[in-house]
Amino acid sequence: MSHSIYFMKNLEHIKGIDQLPKILTEDWIEQAMEKLDKSKMTPDERMYYEMMMARNGSILGMIEDEKEKIAKEAEKRGEKRGEKRGEKKNALATAKKLKELGVDIKIIIESTGLSEQEIKEL
């Protein structure tokens, strides 16, 4: 468990700001903790706070899901490009060998799917 998660889970057990580690006693931390002191919230404020936290968590989840989806799509595109390059490389190698063996160019075109120009350039 990371230190920040542990700290947040155990925040309610801290009696005062003087019990916090020195790094966390900066003024901005104290102000933020004061604003987030749920015990001082009205029921409406607390409900709003909880709703906003749930909404923000939902939005962050959606962002992470979208990032994951984009990464998977990019990976698939990369795999397809690699496959196409490999197929092209194999076709060129096959065509070169067939050309060296004296096979008719029309048969090479039909066998490899390469153009006449590509085969002539080999």
PDB file of N, CA and C in Angstrom:
ATOM      1  N   MET A   1       0.856  -1.180   0.000  1.00  0.00           N
ATOM      2  CA  MET A   1       0.000   0.000   0.000  1.00  0.00           C
ATOM      3  C   MET A   1       0.895   1.233   0.000  1.00  0.00           C
ATOM      4  N   SER A   2       0.591   2.153  -0.856  1.00  0.00           N
ATOM      5  CA  SER A   2       1.428   3.354  -0.933  1.00  0.00           C
ATOM      6  C   SER A   2       1.212   4.211   0.313  1.00  0.00           C
ATOM      7  N   HIS A   3       2.188   5.074   0.582  1.00  0.00           N
ATOM      8  CA  HIS A   3       2.124   5.932   1.766  1.00  0.00           C
ATOM      9  C   HIS A   3       0.927   6.875   1.714  1.00  0.00           C
ATOM     10  N   SER A   4       0.633   7.415   0.540  1.00  0.00           N
ATOM     11  CA  SER A   4      -0.478   8.365   0.453  1.00  0.00           C
ATOM     12  C   SER A   4      -1.810   7.678   0.693  1.00  0.00           C
ATOM     13  N   ILE A   5      -1.976   6.434   0.189  1.00  0.00           N
ATOM     14  CA  ILE A   5      -3.226   5.709   0.430  1.00  0.00           C
ATOM     15  C   ILE A   5      -3.349   5.382   1.912  1.00  0.00           C
ATOM     16  N   TYR A   6      -2.258   4.923   2.521  1.00  0.00           N
ATOM     17  CA  TYR A   6      -2.261   4.619   3.949  1.00  0.00           C
ATOM     18  C   TYR A   6      -2.620   5.859   4.753  1.00  0.00           C
ATOM     19  N   PHE A   7      -1.995   6.974   4.395  1.00  0.00           N
ATOM     20  CA  PHE A   7      -2.256   8.233   5.098  1.00  0.00           C
ATOM     21  C   PHE A   7      -3.723   8.613   5.003  1.00  0.00           C
ATOM     22  N   MET A   8      -4.277   8.544   3.778  1.00  0.00           N
ATOM     23  CA  MET A   8      -5.674   8.948   3.583  1.00  0.00           C
ATOM     24  C   MET A   8      -6.627   8.020   4.344  1.00  0.00           C
ATOM     25  N   LYS A   9      -6.332   6.731   4.359  1.00  0.00           N
ATOM     26  CA  LYS A   9      -7.206   5.782   5.062  1.00  0.00           C
ATOM     27  C   LYS A   9      -7.147   5.977   6.578  1.00  0.00           C
ATOM     28  N   ASN A  10      -6.013   6.427   7.072  1.00  0.00           N
ATOM     29  CA  ASN A  10      -5.836   6.572   8.510  1.00  0.00           C
ATOM     30  C   ASN A  10      -5.925   8.016   8.981  1.00  0.00           C
ATOM     31  N   LEU A  11      -6.330   8.912   8.126  1.00  0.00           N
ATOM     32  CA  LEU A  11      -6.423  10.336   8.438  1.00  0.00           C
ATOM     33  C   LEU A  11      -7.372  10.598   9.607  1.00  0.00           C
ATOM     34  N   GLU A  12      -8.437   9.821   9.691  1.00  0.00           N
ATOM     35  CA  GLU A  12      -9.433  10.056  10.738  1.00  0.00           C
ATOM     36  C   GLU A  12      -8.883   9.800  12.141  1.00  0.00           C
ATOM     37  N   HIS A  13      -7.801   9.026  12.267  1.00  0.00           N
ATOM     38  CA  HIS A  13      -7.219   8.709  13.574  1.00  0.00           C
ATOM     39  C   HIS A  13      -6.275   9.796  14.076  1.00  0.00           C
ATOM     40  N   ILE A  14      -5.919  10.722  13.223  1.00  0.00           N
ATOM     41  CA  ILE A  14      -5.001  11.798  13.612  1.00  0.00           C
ATOM     42  C   ILE A  14      -5.790  12.843  14.392  1.00  0.00           C
ATOM     43  N   LYS A  15      -5.337  13.158  15.592  1.00  0.00           N
ATOM     44  CA  LYS A  15      -6.060  14.057  16.489  1.00  0.00           C
ATOM     45  C   LYS A  15      -5.840  15.526  16.147  1.00  0.00           C
ATOM     46  N   GLY A  16      -4.680  15.876  15.659  1.00  0.00           N
ATOM     47  CA  GLY A  16      -4.391  17.279  15.368  1.00  0.00           C
ATOM     48  C   GLY A  16      -3.285  17.415  14.351  1.00  0.00           C
ATOM     49  N   ILE A  17      -3.132  18.615  13.867  1.00  0.00           N
ATOM     50  CA  ILE A  17      -2.138  18.895  12.838  1.00  0.00           C
ATOM     51  C   ILE A  17      -0.726  18.629  13.343  1.00  0.00           C
ATOM     52  N   ASP A  18      -0.521  18.715  14.660  1.00  0.00           N
ATOM     53  CA  ASP A  18       0.814  18.491  15.223  1.00  0.00           C
ATOM     54  C   ASP A  18       1.232  17.022  15.143  1.00  0.00           C
ATOM     55  N   GLN A  19       0.285  16.118  14.891  1.00  0.00           N
ATOM     56  CA  GLN A  19       0.626  14.704  14.767  1.00  0.00           C
ATOM     57  C   GLN A  19       1.018  14.319  13.341  1.00  0.00           C
ATOM     58  N   LEU A  20       0.863  15.224  12.419  1.00  0.00           N
ATOM     59  CA  LEU A  20       1.221  14.947  11.030  1.00  0.00           C
ATOM     60  C   LEU A  20       2.723  14.989  10.852  1.00  0.00           C
ATOM     61  N   PRO A  21       3.242  14.229   9.882  1.00  0.00           N
ATOM     62  CA  PRO A  21       4.669  14.351   9.577  1.00  0.00           C
ATOM     63  C   PRO A  21       4.991  15.795   9.195  1.00  0.00           C
ATOM     64  N   LYS A  22       6.187  16.222   9.484  1.00  0.00           N
ATOM     65  CA  LYS A  22       6.581  17.617   9.276  1.00  0.00           C
ATOM     66  C   LYS A  22       6.300  18.103   7.852  1.00  0.00           C
ATOM     67  N   ILE A  23       6.525  17.237   6.849  1.00  0.00           N
ATOM     68  CA  ILE A  23       6.330  17.636   5.458  1.00  0.00           C
ATOM     69  C   ILE A  23       4.871  18.006   5.174  1.00  0.00           C
ATOM     70  N   LEU A  24       3.962  17.415   5.941  1.00  0.00           N
ATOM     71  CA  LEU A  24       2.546  17.652   5.695  1.00  0.00           C
ATOM     72  C   LEU A  24       1.958  18.801   6.509  1.00  0.00           C
ATOM     73  N   THR A  25       2.769  19.494   7.263  1.00  0.00           N
ATOM     74  CA  THR A  25       2.245  20.553   8.114  1.00  0.00           C
ATOM     75  C   THR A  25       2.302  21.923   7.458  1.00  0.00           C
ATOM     76  N   GLU A  26       2.586  21.952   6.166  1.00  0.00           N
ATOM     77  CA  GLU A  26       2.592  23.229   5.476  1.00  0.00           C
ATOM     78  C   GLU A  26       1.188  23.825   5.509  1.00  0.00           C
ATOM     79  N   ASP A  27       1.124  25.121   5.413  1.00  0.00           N
ATOM     80  CA  ASP A  27      -0.136  25.850   5.535  1.00  0.00           C
ATOM     81  C   ASP A  27      -1.190  25.380   4.541  1.00  0.00           C
ATOM     82  N   TRP A  28      -0.809  25.122   3.289  1.00  0.00           N
ATOM     83  CA  TRP A  28      -1.792  24.734   2.281  1.00  0.00           C
ATOM     84  C   TRP A  28      -2.424  23.392   2.606  1.00  0.00           C
ATOM     85  N   ILE A  29      -1.659  22.511   3.233  1.00  0.00           N
ATOM     86  CA  ILE A  29      -2.203  21.209   3.644  1.00  0.00           C
ATOM     87  C   ILE A  29      -3.246  21.420   4.732  1.00  0.00           C
ATOM     88  N   GLU A  30      -2.914  22.274   5.680  1.00  0.00           N
ATOM     89  CA  GLU A  30      -3.843  22.553   6.779  1.00  0.00           C
ATOM     90  C   GLU A  30      -5.144  23.158   6.244  1.00  0.00           C
ATOM     91  N   GLN A  31      -5.026  24.085   5.303  1.00  0.00           N
ATOM     92  CA  GLN A  31      -6.219  24.706   4.723  1.00  0.00           C
ATOM     93  C   GLN A  31      -7.055  23.683   3.961  1.00  0.00           C
ATOM     94  N   ALA A  32      -6.392  22.819   3.214  1.00  0.00           N
ATOM     95  CA  ALA A  32      -7.112  21.796   2.455  1.00  0.00           C
ATOM     96  C   ALA A  32      -7.825  20.830   3.395  1.00  0.00           C
ATOM     97  N   MET A  33      -7.150  20.447   4.472  1.00  0.00           N
ATOM     98  CA  MET A  33      -7.771  19.535   5.436  1.00  0.00           C
ATOM     99  C   MET A  33      -8.967  20.204   6.113  1.00  0.00           C
ATOM    100  N   GLU A  34      -8.848  21.470   6.398  1.00  0.00           N
ATOM    101  CA  GLU A  34      -9.954  22.213   7.013  1.00  0.00           C
ATOM    102  C   GLU A  34     -11.169  22.211   6.085  1.00  0.00           C
ATOM    103  N   LYS A  35     -10.919  22.461   4.782  1.00  0.00           N
ATOM    104  CA  LYS A  35     -12.022  22.483   3.813  1.00  0.00           C
ATOM    105  C   LYS A  35     -12.666  21.118   3.669  1.00  0.00           C
ATOM    106  N   LEU A  36     -11.878  20.069   3.804  1.00  0.00           N
ATOM    107  CA  LEU A  36     -12.397  18.719   3.631  1.00  0.00           C
ATOM    108  C   LEU A  36     -12.872  18.075   4.935  1.00  0.00           C
ATOM    109  N   ASP A  37     -12.870  18.821   6.007  1.00  0.00           N
ATOM    110  CA  ASP A  37     -13.334  18.274   7.279  1.00  0.00           C
ATOM    111  C   ASP A  37     -14.826  17.994   7.177  1.00  0.00           C
ATOM    112  N   LYS A  38     -15.153  16.743   6.911  1.00  0.00           N
ATOM    113  CA  LYS A  38     -16.548  16.354   6.678  1.00  0.00           C
ATOM    114  C   LYS A  38     -17.422  16.570   7.906  1.00  0.00           C
ATOM    115  N   SER A  39     -16.826  16.533   9.085  1.00  0.00           N
ATOM    116  CA  SER A  39     -17.634  16.682  10.303  1.00  0.00           C
ATOM    117  C   SER A  39     -18.224  18.077  10.424  1.00  0.00           C
ATOM    118  N   LYS A  40     -17.640  19.056   9.737  1.00  0.00           N
ATOM    119  CA  LYS A  40     -18.143  20.426   9.784  1.00  0.00           C
ATOM    120  C   LYS A  40     -19.129  20.719   8.655  1.00  0.00           C
ATOM    121  N   MET A  41     -19.370  19.731   7.792  1.00  0.00           N
ATOM    122  CA  MET A  41     -20.275  19.937   6.661  1.00  0.00           C
ATOM    123  C   MET A  41     -21.721  19.738   7.087  1.00  0.00           C
ATOM    124  N   THR A  42     -22.591  20.500   6.442  1.00  0.00           N
ATOM    125  CA  THR A  42     -24.019  20.261   6.631  1.00  0.00           C
ATOM    126  C   THR A  42     -24.360  18.997   5.860  1.00  0.00           C
ATOM    127  N   PRO A  43     -25.508  18.386   6.153  1.00  0.00           N
ATOM    128  CA  PRO A  43     -25.896  17.192   5.392  1.00  0.00           C
ATOM    129  C   PRO A  43     -25.934  17.446   3.878  1.00  0.00           C
ATOM    130  N   ASP A  44     -26.425  18.620   3.467  1.00  0.00           N
ATOM    131  CA  ASP A  44     -26.462  18.936   2.034  1.00  0.00           C
ATOM    132  C   ASP A  44     -25.052  19.075   1.458  1.00  0.00           C
ATOM    133  N   GLU A  45     -24.152  19.735   2.207  1.00  0.00           N
ATOM    134  CA  GLU A  45     -22.780  19.893   1.744  1.00  0.00           C
ATOM    135  C   GLU A  45     -22.086  18.532   1.633  1.00  0.00           C
ATOM    136  N   ARG A  46     -22.353  17.694   2.618  1.00  0.00           N
ATOM    137  CA  ARG A  46     -21.734  16.360   2.599  1.00  0.00           C
ATOM    138  C   ARG A  46     -22.249  15.538   1.426  1.00  0.00           C
ATOM    139  N   MET A  47     -23.554  15.613   1.167  1.00  0.00           N
ATOM    140  CA  MET A  47     -24.128  14.876   0.044  1.00  0.00           C
ATOM    141  C   MET A  47     -23.516  15.383  -1.271  1.00  0.00           C
ATOM    142  N   TYR A  48     -23.428  16.703  -1.403  1.00  0.00           N
ATOM    143  CA  TYR A  48     -22.833  17.288  -2.603  1.00  0.00           C
ATOM    144  C   TYR A  48     -21.377  16.838  -2.753  1.00  0.00           C
ATOM    145  N   TYR A  49     -20.629  16.885  -1.649  1.00  0.00           N
ATOM    146  CA  TYR A  49     -19.236  16.455  -1.659  1.00  0.00           C
ATOM    147  C   TYR A  49     -19.110  14.999  -2.109  1.00  0.00           C
ATOM    148  N   GLU A  50     -19.929  14.128  -1.529  1.00  0.00           N
ATOM    149  CA  GLU A  50     -19.880  12.709  -1.875  1.00  0.00           C
ATOM    150  C   GLU A  50     -20.262  12.490  -3.334  1.00  0.00           C
ATOM    151  N   MET A  51     -21.256  13.247  -3.802  1.00  0.00           N
ATOM    152  CA  MET A  51     -21.667  13.125  -5.204  1.00  0.00           C
ATOM    153  C   MET A  51     -20.539  13.567  -6.129  1.00  0.00           C
ATOM    154  N   MET A  52     -19.871  14.663  -5.781  1.00  0.00           N
ATOM    155  CA  MET A  52     -18.780  15.157  -6.610  1.00  0.00           C
ATOM    156  C   MET A  52     -17.597  14.183  -6.602  1.00  0.00           C
ATOM    157  N   MET A  53     -17.319  13.603  -5.469  1.00  0.00           N
ATOM    158  CA  MET A  53     -16.228  12.624  -5.395  1.00  0.00           C
ATOM    159  C   MET A  53     -16.559  11.404  -6.260  1.00  0.00           C
ATOM    160  N   ALA A  54     -17.803  10.935  -6.190  1.00  0.00           N
ATOM    161  CA  ALA A  54     -18.214   9.797  -7.008  1.00  0.00           C
ATOM    162  C   ALA A  54     -18.161  10.158  -8.486  1.00  0.00           C
ATOM    163  N   ARG A  55     -18.631  11.362  -8.820  1.00  0.00           N
ATOM    164  CA  ARG A  55     -18.614  11.820 -10.218  1.00  0.00           C
ATOM    165  C   ARG A  55     -17.185  11.908 -10.728  1.00  0.00           C
ATOM    166  N   ASN A  56     -16.308  12.516  -9.926  1.00  0.00           N
ATOM    167  CA  ASN A  56     -14.904  12.646 -10.327  1.00  0.00           C
ATOM    168  C   ASN A  56     -14.243  11.277 -10.485  1.00  0.00           C
ATOM    169  N   GLY A  57     -14.562  10.369  -9.573  1.00  0.00           N
ATOM    170  CA  GLY A  57     -14.033   9.010  -9.676  1.00  0.00           C
ATOM    171  C   GLY A  57     -14.528   8.322 -10.934  1.00  0.00           C
ATOM    172  N   SER A  58     -15.784   8.559 -11.262  1.00  0.00           N
ATOM    173  CA  SER A  58     -16.366   7.982 -12.474  1.00  0.00           C
ATOM    174  C   SER A  58     -15.689   8.551 -13.714  1.00  0.00           C
ATOM    175  N   ILE A  59     -15.468   9.849 -13.718  1.00  0.00           N
ATOM    176  CA  ILE A  59     -14.812  10.501 -14.861  1.00  0.00           C
ATOM    177  C   ILE A  59     -13.388   9.977 -15.013  1.00  0.00           C
ATOM    178  N   LEU A  60     -12.675   9.859 -13.904  1.00  0.00           N
ATOM    179  CA  LEU A  60     -11.305   9.337 -13.970  1.00  0.00           C
ATOM    180  C   LEU A  60     -11.296   7.908 -14.486  1.00  0.00           C
ATOM    181  N   GLY A  61     -12.277   7.123 -14.062  1.00  0.00           N
ATOM    182  CA  GLY A  61     -12.391   5.748 -14.555  1.00  0.00           C
ATOM    183  C   GLY A  61     -12.636   5.704 -16.045  1.00  0.00           C
ATOM    184  N   MET A  62     -13.510   6.595 -16.518  1.00  0.00           N
ATOM    185  CA  MET A  62     -13.795   6.646 -17.956  1.00  0.00           C
ATOM    186  C   MET A  62     -12.550   7.063 -18.739  1.00  0.00           C
ATOM    187  N   ILE A  63     -11.795   8.017 -18.199  1.00  0.00           N
ATOM    188  CA  ILE A  63     -10.567   8.460 -18.861  1.00  0.00           C
ATOM    189  C   ILE A  63      -9.576   7.310 -18.951  1.00  0.00           C
ATOM    190  N   GLU A  64      -9.414   6.569 -17.864  1.00  0.00           N
ATOM    191  CA  GLU A  64      -8.496   5.433 -17.864  1.00  0.00           C
ATOM    192  C   GLU A  64      -8.956   4.366 -18.852  1.00  0.00           C
ATOM    193  N   ASP A  65     -10.264   4.101 -18.892  1.00  0.00           N
ATOM    194  CA  ASP A  65     -10.802   3.129 -19.846  1.00  0.00           C
ATOM    195  C   ASP A  65     -10.522   3.568 -21.276  1.00  0.00           C
ATOM    196  N   GLU A  66     -10.701   4.866 -21.552  1.00  0.00           N
ATOM    197  CA  GLU A  66     -10.479   5.388 -22.901  1.00  0.00           C
ATOM    198  C   GLU A  66      -8.995   5.297 -23.272  1.00  0.00           C
ATOM    199  N   LYS A  67      -8.114   5.604 -22.321  1.00  0.00           N
ATOM    200  CA  LYS A  67      -6.677   5.489 -22.573  1.00  0.00           C
ATOM    201  C   LYS A  67      -6.313   4.047 -22.916  1.00  0.00           C
ATOM    202  N   GLU A  68      -6.878   3.117 -22.163  1.00  0.00           N
ATOM    203  CA  GLU A  68      -6.614   1.695 -22.388  1.00  0.00           C
ATOM    204  C   GLU A  68      -7.118   1.269 -23.769  1.00  0.00           C
ATOM    205  N   LYS A  69      -8.303   1.742 -24.131  1.00  0.00           N
ATOM    206  CA  LYS A  69      -8.887   1.413 -25.431  1.00  0.00           C
ATOM    207  C   LYS A  69      -8.011   1.946 -26.557  1.00  0.00           C
ATOM    208  N   ILE A  70      -7.554   3.192 -26.431  1.00  0.00           N
ATOM    209  CA  ILE A  70      -6.704   3.809 -27.444  1.00  0.00           C
ATOM    210  C   ILE A  70      -5.385   3.043 -27.558  1.00  0.00           C
ATOM    211  N   ALA A  71      -4.812   2.656 -26.436  1.00  0.00           N
ATOM    212  CA  ALA A  71      -3.546   1.916 -26.455  1.00  0.00           C
ATOM    213  C   ALA A  71      -3.716   0.569 -27.155  1.00  0.00           C
ATOM    214  N   LYS A  72      -4.828  -0.114 -26.888  1.00  0.00           N
ATOM    215  CA  LYS A  72      -5.075  -1.409 -27.527  1.00  0.00           C
ATOM    216  C   LYS A  72      -5.272  -1.244 -29.034  1.00  0.00           C
ATOM    217  N   GLU A  73      -6.004  -0.201 -29.429  1.00  0.00           N
ATOM    218  CA  GLU A  73      -6.205   0.052 -30.859  1.00  0.00           C
ATOM    219  C   GLU A  73      -4.883   0.362 -31.555  1.00  0.00           C
ATOM    220  N   ALA A  74      -4.050   1.162 -30.907  1.00  0.00           N
ATOM    221  CA  ALA A  74      -2.745   1.498 -31.475  1.00  0.00           C
ATOM    222  C   ALA A  74      -1.879   0.243 -31.609  1.00  0.00           C
ATOM    223  N   GLU A  75      -1.958  -0.616 -30.615  1.00  0.00           N
ATOM    224  CA  GLU A  75      -1.194  -1.863 -30.660  1.00  0.00           C
ATOM    225  C   GLU A  75      -1.669  -2.744 -31.818  1.00  0.00           C
ATOM    226  N   LYS A  76      -2.985  -2.831 -31.996  1.00  0.00           N
ATOM    227  CA  LYS A  76      -3.532  -3.624 -33.108  1.00  0.00           C
ATOM    228  C   LYS A  76      -3.102  -3.056 -34.448  1.00  0.00           C
ATOM    229  N   ARG A  77      -3.152  -1.705 -34.582  1.00  0.00           N
ATOM    230  CA  ARG A  77      -2.716  -1.078 -35.838  1.00  0.00           C
ATOM    231  C   ARG A  77      -1.245  -1.372 -36.099  1.00  0.00           C
ATOM    232  N   GLY A  78      -0.445  -1.304 -35.055  1.00  0.00           N
ATOM    233  CA  GLY A  78       0.978  -1.603 -35.196  1.00  0.00           C
ATOM    234  C   GLY A  78       1.213  -3.044 -35.619  1.00  0.00           C
ATOM    235  N   GLU A  79       0.441  -3.960 -35.024  1.00  0.00           N
ATOM    236  CA  GLU A  79       0.570  -5.373 -35.395  1.00  0.00           C
ATOM    237  C   GLU A  79       0.178  -5.576 -36.860  1.00  0.00           C
ATOM    238  N   LYS A  80      -0.905  -4.929 -37.289  1.00  0.00           N
ATOM    239  CA  LYS A  80      -1.349  -5.068 -38.683  1.00  0.00           C
ATOM    240  C   LYS A  80      -0.299  -4.523 -39.638  1.00  0.00           C
ATOM    241  N   ARG A  81       0.285  -3.363 -39.285  1.00  0.00           N
ATOM    242  CA  ARG A  81       1.336  -2.788 -40.136  1.00  0.00           C
ATOM    243  C   ARG A  81       2.522  -3.734 -40.222  1.00  0.00           C
ATOM    244  N   GLY A  82       2.886  -4.309 -39.086  1.00  0.00           N
ATOM    245  CA  GLY A  82       4.000  -5.252 -39.067  1.00  0.00           C
ATOM    246  C   GLY A  82       3.713  -6.487 -39.909  1.00  0.00           C
ATOM    247  N   GLU A  83       2.475  -6.975 -39.819  1.00  0.00           N
ATOM    248  CA  GLU A  83       2.083  -8.130 -40.622  1.00  0.00           C
ATOM    249  C   GLU A  83       2.156  -7.804 -42.109  1.00  0.00           C
ATOM    250  N   LYS A  84       1.650  -6.627 -42.472  1.00  0.00           N
ATOM    251  CA  LYS A  84       1.675  -6.226 -43.881  1.00  0.00           C
ATOM    252  C   LYS A  84       3.101  -6.096 -44.388  1.00  0.00           C
ATOM    253  N   ARG A  85       3.971  -5.515 -43.560  1.00  0.00           N
ATOM    254  CA  ARG A  85       5.380  -5.382 -43.957  1.00  0.00           C
ATOM    255  C   ARG A  85       6.020  -6.753 -44.140  1.00  0.00           C
ATOM    256  N   GLY A  86       5.700  -7.647 -43.220  1.00  0.00           N
ATOM    257  CA  GLY A  86       6.243  -9.008 -43.308  1.00  0.00           C
ATOM    258  C   GLY A  86       5.741  -9.729 -44.546  1.00  0.00           C
ATOM    259  N   GLU A  87       4.451  -9.570 -44.843  1.00  0.00           N
ATOM    260  CA  GLU A  87       3.886 -10.200 -46.035  1.00  0.00           C
ATOM    261  C   GLU A  87       4.543  -9.646 -47.293  1.00  0.00           C
ATOM    262  N   LYS A  88       4.732  -8.336 -47.337  1.00  0.00           N
ATOM    263  CA  LYS A  88       5.350  -7.697 -48.497  1.00  0.00           C
ATOM    264  C   LYS A  88       6.791  -8.184 -48.650  1.00  0.00           C
ATOM    265  N   LYS A  89       7.499  -8.259 -47.544  1.00  0.00           N
ATOM    266  CA  LYS A  89       8.896  -8.710 -47.577  1.00  0.00           C
ATOM    267  C   LYS A  89       8.966 -10.154 -48.093  1.00  0.00           C
ATOM    268  N   ASN A  90       8.069 -11.002 -47.622  1.00  0.00           N
ATOM    269  CA  ASN A  90       8.044 -12.394 -48.071  1.00  0.00           C
ATOM    270  C   ASN A  90       7.702 -12.489 -49.555  1.00  0.00           C
ATOM    271  N   ALA A  91       6.728 -11.672 -49.991  1.00  0.00           N
ATOM    272  CA  ALA A  91       6.339 -11.677 -51.405  1.00  0.00           C
ATOM    273  C   ALA A  91       7.508 -11.248 -52.280  1.00  0.00           C
ATOM    274  N   LEU A  92       8.232 -10.230 -51.846  1.00  0.00           N
ATOM    275  CA  LEU A  92       9.385  -9.761 -52.614  1.00  0.00           C
ATOM    276  C   LEU A  92      10.485 -10.825 -52.685  1.00  0.00           C
ATOM    277  N   ALA A  93      10.726 -11.477 -51.565  1.00  0.00           N
ATOM    278  CA  ALA A  93      11.750 -12.530 -51.534  1.00  0.00           C
ATOM    279  C   ALA A  93      11.351 -13.690 -52.442  1.00  0.00           C
ATOM    280  N   THR A  94      10.092 -14.072 -52.389  1.00  0.00           N
ATOM    281  CA  THR A  94       9.596 -15.158 -53.242  1.00  0.00           C
ATOM    282  C   THR A  94       9.713 -14.775 -54.716  1.00  0.00           C
ATOM    283  N   ALA A  95       9.273 -13.550 -55.030  1.00  0.00           N
ATOM    284  CA  ALA A  95       9.329 -13.082 -56.420  1.00  0.00           C
ATOM    285  C   ALA A  95      10.772 -13.054 -56.923  1.00  0.00           C
ATOM    286  N   LYS A  96      11.681 -12.617 -56.089  1.00  0.00           N
ATOM    287  CA  LYS A  96      13.094 -12.551 -56.490  1.00  0.00           C
ATOM    288  C   LYS A  96      13.618 -13.940 -56.823  1.00  0.00           C
ATOM    289  N   LYS A  97      13.294 -14.894 -55.955  1.00  0.00           N
ATOM    290  CA  LYS A  97      13.758 -16.266 -56.165  1.00  0.00           C
ATOM    291  C   LYS A  97      13.147 -16.845 -57.438  1.00  0.00           C
ATOM    292  N   LEU A  98      11.837 -16.625 -57.640  1.00  0.00           N
ATOM    293  CA  LEU A  98      11.170 -17.133 -58.843  1.00  0.00           C
ATOM    294  C   LEU A  98      11.750 -16.490 -60.100  1.00  0.00           C
ATOM    295  N   LYS A  99      12.046 -15.212 -60.019  1.00  0.00           N
ATOM    296  CA  LYS A  99      12.632 -14.492 -61.160  1.00  0.00           C
ATOM    297  C   LYS A  99      14.012 -15.067 -61.487  1.00  0.00           C
ATOM    298  N   GLU A 100      14.802 -15.341 -60.429  1.00  0.00           N
ATOM    299  CA  GLU A 100      16.123 -15.929 -60.618  1.00  0.00           C
ATOM    300  C   GLU A 100      16.029 -17.312 -61.260  1.00  0.00           C
ATOM    301  N   LEU A 101      14.945 -18.027 -60.955  1.00  0.00           N
ATOM    302  CA  LEU A 101      14.750 -19.372 -61.513  1.00  0.00           C
ATOM    303  C   LEU A 101      14.187 -19.321 -62.931  1.00  0.00           C
ATOM    304  N   GLY A 102      13.867 -18.120 -63.396  1.00  0.00           N
ATOM    305  CA  GLY A 102      13.386 -17.966 -64.764  1.00  0.00           C
ATOM    306  C   GLY A 102      11.898 -18.194 -64.936  1.00  0.00           C
ATOM    307  N   VAL A 103      11.136 -18.107 -63.860  1.00  0.00           N
ATOM    308  CA  VAL A 103       9.683 -18.287 -63.934  1.00  0.00           C
ATOM    309  C   VAL A 103       9.076 -17.095 -64.657  1.00  0.00           C
ATOM    310  N   ASP A 104       8.061 -17.360 -65.474  1.00  0.00           N
ATOM    311  CA  ASP A 104       7.381 -16.306 -66.237  1.00  0.00           C
ATOM    312  C   ASP A 104       6.835 -15.235 -65.292  1.00  0.00           C
ATOM    313  N   ILE A 105       6.966 -13.976 -65.693  1.00  0.00           N
ATOM    314  CA  ILE A 105       6.570 -12.848 -64.842  1.00  0.00           C
ATOM    315  C   ILE A 105       5.082 -12.887 -64.499  1.00  0.00           C
ATOM    316  N   LYS A 106       4.247 -13.369 -65.422  1.00  0.00           N
ATOM    317  CA  LYS A 106       2.804 -13.450 -65.151  1.00  0.00           C
ATOM    318  C   LYS A 106       2.510 -14.423 -64.017  1.00  0.00           C
ATOM    319  N   ILE A 107       3.258 -15.504 -63.961  1.00  0.00           N
ATOM    320  CA  ILE A 107       3.090 -16.487 -62.876  1.00  0.00           C
ATOM    321  C   ILE A 107       3.561 -15.879 -61.563  1.00  0.00           C
ATOM    322  N   ILE A 108       4.652 -15.122 -61.601  1.00  0.00           N
ATOM    323  CA  ILE A 108       5.164 -14.460 -60.385  1.00  0.00           C
ATOM    324  C   ILE A 108       4.138 -13.455 -59.874  1.00  0.00           C
ATOM    325  N   ILE A 109       3.551 -12.676 -60.779  1.00  0.00           N
ATOM    326  CA  ILE A 109       2.523 -11.692 -60.383  1.00  0.00           C
ATOM    327  C   ILE A 109       1.356 -12.397 -59.715  1.00  0.00           C
ATOM    328  N   GLU A 110       0.894 -13.482 -60.345  1.00  0.00           N
ATOM    329  CA  GLU A 110      -0.248 -14.229 -59.818  1.00  0.00           C
ATOM    330  C   GLU A 110       0.082 -14.887 -58.475  1.00  0.00           C
ATOM    331  N   SER A 111       1.312 -15.364 -58.341  1.00  0.00           N
ATOM    332  CA  SER A 111       1.725 -16.065 -57.118  1.00  0.00           C
ATOM    333  C   SER A 111       1.943 -15.134 -55.933  1.00  0.00           C
ATOM    334  N   THR A 112       2.477 -13.947 -56.216  1.00  0.00           N
ATOM    335  CA  THR A 112       2.878 -13.066 -55.112  1.00  0.00           C
ATOM    336  C   THR A 112       1.950 -11.884 -54.875  1.00  0.00           C
ATOM    337  N   GLY A 113       1.166 -11.532 -55.899  1.00  0.00           N
ATOM    338  CA  GLY A 113       0.304 -10.369 -55.773  1.00  0.00           C
ATOM    339  C   GLY A 113       1.039  -9.055 -55.992  1.00  0.00           C
ATOM    340  N   LEU A 114       2.315  -9.144 -56.377  1.00  0.00           N
ATOM    341  CA  LEU A 114       3.101  -7.939 -56.636  1.00  0.00           C
ATOM    342  C   LEU A 114       2.790  -7.428 -58.039  1.00  0.00           C
ATOM    343  N   SER A 115       3.094  -6.158 -58.254  1.00  0.00           N
ATOM    344  CA  SER A 115       2.886  -5.581 -59.588  1.00  0.00           C
ATOM    345  C   SER A 115       4.046  -5.959 -60.496  1.00  0.00           C
ATOM    346  N   GLU A 116       3.819  -5.823 -61.809  1.00  0.00           N
ATOM    347  CA  GLU A 116       4.862  -6.106 -62.782  1.00  0.00           C
ATOM    348  C   GLU A 116       6.067  -5.206 -62.544  1.00  0.00           C
ATOM    349  N   GLN A 117       5.811  -3.948 -62.217  1.00  0.00           N
ATOM    350  CA  GLN A 117       6.890  -2.985 -61.974  1.00  0.00           C
ATOM    351  C   GLN A 117       7.744  -3.419 -60.775  1.00  0.00           C
ATOM    352  N   GLU A 118       7.076  -3.851 -59.699  1.00  0.00           N
ATOM    353  CA  GLU A 118       7.813  -4.289 -58.507  1.00  0.00           C
ATOM    354  C   GLU A 118       8.716  -5.466 -58.830  1.00  0.00           C
ATOM    355  N   ILE A 119       8.220  -6.370 -59.645  1.00  0.00           N
ATOM    356  CA  ILE A 119       8.997  -7.555 -59.989  1.00  0.00           C
ATOM    357  C   ILE A 119      10.165  -7.186 -60.903  1.00  0.00           C
ATOM    358  N   LYS A 120       9.918  -6.294 -61.834  1.00  0.00           N
ATOM    359  CA  LYS A 120      10.995  -5.871 -62.744  1.00  0.00           C
ATOM    360  C   LYS A 120      12.121  -5.157 -61.988  1.00  0.00           C
ATOM    361  N   GLU A 121      11.777  -4.484 -60.889  1.00  0.00           N
ATOM    362  CA  GLU A 121      12.779  -3.746 -60.111  1.00  0.00           C
ATOM    363  C   GLU A 121      13.655  -4.662 -59.259  1.00  0.00           C
ATOM    364  N   LEU A 122      13.296  -5.915 -59.157  1.00  0.00           N
ATOM    365  CA  LEU A 122      14.084  -6.859 -58.326  1.00  0.00           C
ATOM    366  C   LEU A 122      15.397  -7.212 -58.980  1.00  0.00           C
TER     367      LEU A 122
END
